[in-house]
Amino acid sequence: MMDSDSNDKIKIKALLETYTVNDISNTFTVIDNKLLSLHECSAEDFLQLNSDFKNLYKQSEIISENVNVIFSILIKIKNYIRRFILSMMN
């Protein structure tokens, strides 16, 4: 049974017999460029998402304020109707 180090050396030798160092270097360059592109795209997406969340948060605050105003008005109407009904009963 071969140890891991010998097995790795055999695999590296087979790789270098199949591909040139230049081929391997070019492959890593392509991978690196794709990773950089993905990183740039991800950063742009994150910034846009963050901006969208901030806008949605501002809108939710406005909606919440409007709901509070509506509830306040409804409570006043309810109290007015209650007082009216009680006055009619007396």
N, C-alpha and C. Protein backbone atom coordinates (compact mmCIF):
# COMPACT_ATOMS: atom_id res chain seq x y z
N MET A 1 0.84 -1.18 0.00
CA MET A 1 0.00 0.00 0.00
C MET A 1 0.89 1.25 0.00
N MET A 2 0.61 2.15 -0.96
CA MET A 2 1.42 3.36 -1.07
C MET A 2 0.98 4.38 -0.04
N ASP A 3 1.96 5.12 0.44
CA ASP A 3 1.59 6.18 1.37
C ASP A 3 1.07 7.38 0.58
N SER A 4 0.45 8.30 1.26
CA SER A 4 -0.20 9.46 0.64
C SER A 4 0.78 10.33 -0.13
N ASP A 5 2.00 10.50 0.43
CA ASP A 5 3.02 11.35 -0.21
C ASP A 5 3.43 10.78 -1.57
N SER A 6 3.65 9.46 -1.64
CA SER A 6 4.03 8.82 -2.90
C SER A 6 2.91 8.91 -3.92
N ASN A 7 1.70 8.72 -3.45
CA ASN A 7 0.52 8.79 -4.31
C ASN A 7 0.37 10.19 -4.90
N ASP A 8 0.59 11.22 -4.07
CA ASP A 8 0.51 12.61 -4.54
C ASP A 8 1.57 12.89 -5.59
N LYS A 9 2.79 12.38 -5.37
CA LYS A 9 3.88 12.59 -6.33
C LYS A 9 3.55 11.96 -7.68
N ILE A 10 2.95 10.79 -7.65
CA ILE A 10 2.56 10.10 -8.90
C ILE A 10 1.49 10.92 -9.63
N LYS A 11 0.55 11.44 -8.89
CA LYS A 11 -0.51 12.24 -9.51
C LYS A 11 0.06 13.53 -10.12
N ILE A 12 0.98 14.17 -9.42
CA ILE A 12 1.59 15.40 -9.93
C ILE A 12 2.41 15.10 -11.18
N LYS A 13 3.14 13.99 -11.17
CA LYS A 13 3.94 13.61 -12.34
C LYS A 13 3.03 13.36 -13.54
N ALA A 14 1.93 12.65 -13.32
CA ALA A 14 0.98 12.36 -14.39
C ALA A 14 0.37 13.66 -14.92
N LEU A 15 0.07 14.57 -14.03
CA LEU A 15 -0.51 15.87 -14.42
C LEU A 15 0.47 16.65 -15.28
N LEU A 16 1.73 16.70 -14.86
CA LEU A 16 2.75 17.44 -15.61
C LEU A 16 3.09 16.77 -16.94
N GLU A 17 2.89 15.46 -17.04
CA GLU A 17 3.10 14.78 -18.32
C GLU A 17 1.94 15.04 -19.28
N THR A 18 0.76 15.32 -18.72
CA THR A 18 -0.42 15.58 -19.54
C THR A 18 -0.51 17.04 -19.94
N TYR A 19 -0.20 17.93 -19.01
CA TYR A 19 -0.33 19.37 -19.25
C TYR A 19 1.01 20.06 -19.00
N THR A 20 1.24 21.12 -19.75
CA THR A 20 2.46 21.90 -19.50
C THR A 20 2.21 22.83 -18.31
N VAL A 21 3.29 23.32 -17.75
CA VAL A 21 3.18 24.28 -16.65
C VAL A 21 2.43 25.52 -17.13
N ASN A 22 2.66 25.89 -18.40
CA ASN A 22 1.98 27.05 -18.98
C ASN A 22 0.47 26.80 -19.07
N ASP A 23 0.07 25.57 -19.47
CA ASP A 23 -1.36 25.23 -19.52
C ASP A 23 -2.00 25.36 -18.14
N ILE A 24 -1.32 24.82 -17.14
CA ILE A 24 -1.84 24.87 -15.77
C ILE A 24 -1.91 26.32 -15.29
N SER A 25 -0.87 27.09 -15.58
CA SER A 25 -0.85 28.50 -15.18
C SER A 25 -2.00 29.26 -15.85
N ASN A 26 -2.21 28.99 -17.13
CA ASN A 26 -3.32 29.66 -17.85
C ASN A 26 -4.68 29.28 -17.26
N THR A 27 -4.82 28.02 -16.89
CA THR A 27 -6.08 27.57 -16.28
C THR A 27 -6.33 28.31 -14.96
N PHE A 28 -5.28 28.42 -14.15
CA PHE A 28 -5.43 29.15 -12.88
C PHE A 28 -5.71 30.64 -13.12
N THR A 29 -5.13 31.20 -14.17
CA THR A 29 -5.40 32.61 -14.51
C THR A 29 -6.86 32.79 -14.89
N VAL A 30 -7.39 31.87 -15.68
CA VAL A 30 -8.81 31.94 -16.07
C VAL A 30 -9.69 31.83 -14.83
N ILE A 31 -9.36 30.89 -13.96
CA ILE A 31 -10.14 30.71 -12.72
C ILE A 31 -10.06 31.98 -11.87
N ASP A 32 -8.87 32.53 -11.73
CA ASP A 32 -8.68 33.76 -10.95
C ASP A 32 -9.51 34.91 -11.51
N ASN A 33 -9.49 35.06 -12.84
CA ASN A 33 -10.27 36.14 -13.47
C ASN A 33 -11.78 35.95 -13.24
N LYS A 34 -12.22 34.70 -13.31
CA LYS A 34 -13.64 34.43 -13.06
C LYS A 34 -14.00 34.74 -11.60
N LEU A 35 -13.12 34.39 -10.68
CA LEU A 35 -13.38 34.69 -9.27
C LEU A 35 -13.43 36.20 -9.02
N LEU A 36 -12.51 36.93 -9.64
CA LEU A 36 -12.51 38.40 -9.50
C LEU A 36 -13.79 39.00 -10.06
N SER A 37 -14.21 38.50 -11.21
CA SER A 37 -15.46 38.98 -11.82
C SER A 37 -16.66 38.67 -10.93
N LEU A 38 -16.68 37.48 -10.39
CA LEU A 38 -17.76 37.09 -9.48
C LEU A 38 -17.77 37.97 -8.25
N HIS A 39 -16.58 38.26 -7.72
CA HIS A 39 -16.48 39.12 -6.54
C HIS A 39 -17.02 40.52 -6.84
N GLU A 40 -16.64 41.08 -7.98
CA GLU A 40 -17.13 42.41 -8.35
C GLU A 40 -18.64 42.42 -8.50
N CYS A 41 -19.16 41.40 -9.17
CA CYS A 41 -20.62 41.29 -9.36
C CYS A 41 -21.32 41.13 -8.01
N SER A 42 -20.77 40.32 -7.14
CA SER A 42 -21.36 40.10 -5.82
C SER A 42 -21.36 41.39 -5.01
N ALA A 43 -20.26 42.14 -5.09
CA ALA A 43 -20.18 43.40 -4.35
C ALA A 43 -21.22 44.39 -4.85
N GLU A 44 -21.36 44.48 -6.18
CA GLU A 44 -22.38 45.37 -6.75
C GLU A 44 -23.78 44.94 -6.33
N ASP A 45 -24.04 43.63 -6.39
CA ASP A 45 -25.35 43.11 -5.97
C ASP A 45 -25.62 43.41 -4.51
N PHE A 46 -24.61 43.23 -3.66
CA PHE A 46 -24.78 43.49 -2.24
C PHE A 46 -25.08 44.96 -1.99
N LEU A 47 -24.35 45.85 -2.66
CA LEU A 47 -24.59 47.28 -2.48
C LEU A 47 -26.00 47.66 -2.93
N GLN A 48 -26.46 47.08 -4.04
CA GLN A 48 -27.81 47.37 -4.52
C GLN A 48 -28.85 46.81 -3.53
N LEU A 49 -28.62 45.60 -3.04
CA LEU A 49 -29.54 45.00 -2.08
C LEU A 49 -29.60 45.84 -0.80
N ASN A 50 -28.46 46.29 -0.33
CA ASN A 50 -28.41 47.13 0.86
C ASN A 50 -29.18 48.42 0.63
N SER A 51 -29.03 49.02 -0.53
CA SER A 51 -29.76 50.24 -0.86
C SER A 51 -31.27 49.97 -0.90
N ASP A 52 -31.64 48.85 -1.50
CA ASP A 52 -33.07 48.48 -1.56
C ASP A 52 -33.64 48.28 -0.16
N PHE A 53 -32.89 47.62 0.71
CA PHE A 53 -33.35 47.41 2.08
C PHE A 53 -33.55 48.73 2.81
N LYS A 54 -32.62 49.66 2.61
CA LYS A 54 -32.76 50.97 3.25
C LYS A 54 -34.01 51.69 2.76
N ASN A 55 -34.26 51.63 1.46
CA ASN A 55 -35.46 52.26 0.92
C ASN A 55 -36.73 51.59 1.44
N LEU A 56 -36.72 50.28 1.50
CA LEU A 56 -37.89 49.56 2.02
C LEU A 56 -38.12 49.87 3.50
N TYR A 57 -37.04 50.01 4.26
CA TYR A 57 -37.17 50.36 5.66
C TYR A 57 -37.81 51.73 5.81
N LYS A 58 -37.38 52.70 5.01
CA LYS A 58 -37.97 54.05 5.06
C LYS A 58 -39.45 53.99 4.71
N GLN A 59 -39.79 53.21 3.68
CA GLN A 59 -41.19 53.07 3.29
C GLN A 59 -42.01 52.40 4.39
N SER A 60 -41.43 51.41 5.05
CA SER A 60 -42.16 50.73 6.12
C SER A 60 -42.41 51.68 7.30
N GLU A 61 -41.46 52.58 7.56
CA GLU A 61 -41.68 53.57 8.62
C GLU A 61 -42.84 54.49 8.26
N ILE A 62 -42.92 54.92 7.01
CA ILE A 62 -44.02 55.79 6.57
C ILE A 62 -45.35 55.04 6.68
N ILE A 63 -45.36 53.79 6.25
CA ILE A 63 -46.58 52.98 6.34
C ILE A 63 -47.00 52.83 7.80
N SER A 64 -46.06 52.57 8.68
CA SER A 64 -46.35 52.42 10.10
C SER A 64 -46.95 53.70 10.68
N GLU A 65 -46.37 54.83 10.32
CA GLU A 65 -46.91 56.12 10.79
C GLU A 65 -48.34 56.32 10.28
N ASN A 66 -48.56 55.98 9.02
CA ASN A 66 -49.91 56.13 8.45
C ASN A 66 -50.92 55.21 9.14
N VAL A 67 -50.50 54.00 9.44
CA VAL A 67 -51.39 53.06 10.15
C VAL A 67 -51.72 53.61 11.53
N ASN A 68 -50.75 54.18 12.21
CA ASN A 68 -51.01 54.76 13.53
C ASN A 68 -52.01 55.91 13.43
N VAL A 69 -51.89 56.73 12.41
CA VAL A 69 -52.85 57.83 12.21
C VAL A 69 -54.25 57.28 11.96
N ILE A 70 -54.34 56.26 11.11
CA ILE A 70 -55.65 55.66 10.80
C ILE A 70 -56.26 55.06 12.06
N PHE A 71 -55.48 54.32 12.84
CA PHE A 71 -56.00 53.75 14.08
C PHE A 71 -56.45 54.83 15.05
N SER A 72 -55.70 55.88 15.12
CA SER A 72 -56.07 56.99 16.00
C SER A 72 -57.41 57.58 15.58
N ILE A 73 -57.60 57.76 14.29
CA ILE A 73 -58.87 58.28 13.77
C ILE A 73 -60.00 57.30 14.06
N LEU A 74 -59.76 56.02 13.84
CA LEU A 74 -60.79 55.01 14.10
C LEU A 74 -61.18 54.97 15.58
N ILE A 75 -60.21 55.11 16.46
CA ILE A 75 -60.51 55.13 17.89
C ILE A 75 -61.37 56.35 18.23
N LYS A 76 -61.04 57.48 17.66
CA LYS A 76 -61.84 58.69 17.89
C LYS A 76 -63.26 58.51 17.39
N ILE A 77 -63.41 57.90 16.21
CA ILE A 77 -64.75 57.65 15.67
C ILE A 77 -65.50 56.69 16.57
N LYS A 78 -64.84 55.63 17.00
CA LYS A 78 -65.48 54.65 17.90
C LYS A 78 -65.95 55.32 19.19
N ASN A 79 -65.08 56.15 19.77
CA ASN A 79 -65.46 56.85 21.00
C ASN A 79 -66.62 57.83 20.77
N TYR A 80 -66.59 58.49 19.63
CA TYR A 80 -67.68 59.41 19.31
C TYR A 80 -68.99 58.65 19.18
N ILE A 81 -68.98 57.52 18.48
CA ILE A 81 -70.19 56.71 18.32
C ILE A 81 -70.65 56.18 19.67
N ARG A 82 -69.74 55.74 20.50
CA ARG A 82 -70.09 55.24 21.83
C ARG A 82 -70.77 56.33 22.66
N ARG A 83 -70.16 57.53 22.64
CA ARG A 83 -70.77 58.64 23.38
C ARG A 83 -72.14 59.00 22.82
N PHE A 84 -72.26 58.95 21.51
CA PHE A 84 -73.56 59.27 20.90
C PHE A 84 -74.61 58.27 21.31
N ILE A 85 -74.26 56.98 21.26
CA ILE A 85 -75.22 55.94 21.65
C ILE A 85 -75.59 56.08 23.12
N LEU A 86 -74.60 56.33 23.96
CA LEU A 86 -74.89 56.49 25.40
C LEU A 86 -75.77 57.71 25.63
N SER A 87 -75.55 58.78 24.90
CA SER A 87 -76.40 59.97 25.08
C SER A 87 -77.81 59.70 24.62
N MET A 88 -77.97 58.87 23.61
CA MET A 88 -79.30 58.55 23.12
C MET A 88 -80.04 57.64 24.10
N MET A 89 -79.30 56.86 24.85
CA MET A 89 -79.93 55.96 25.80
C MET A 89 -80.38 56.69 27.05
N ASN A 90 -79.79 57.83 27.33
CA ASN A 90 -80.15 58.59 28.54
C ASN A 90 -81.31 59.46 28.29
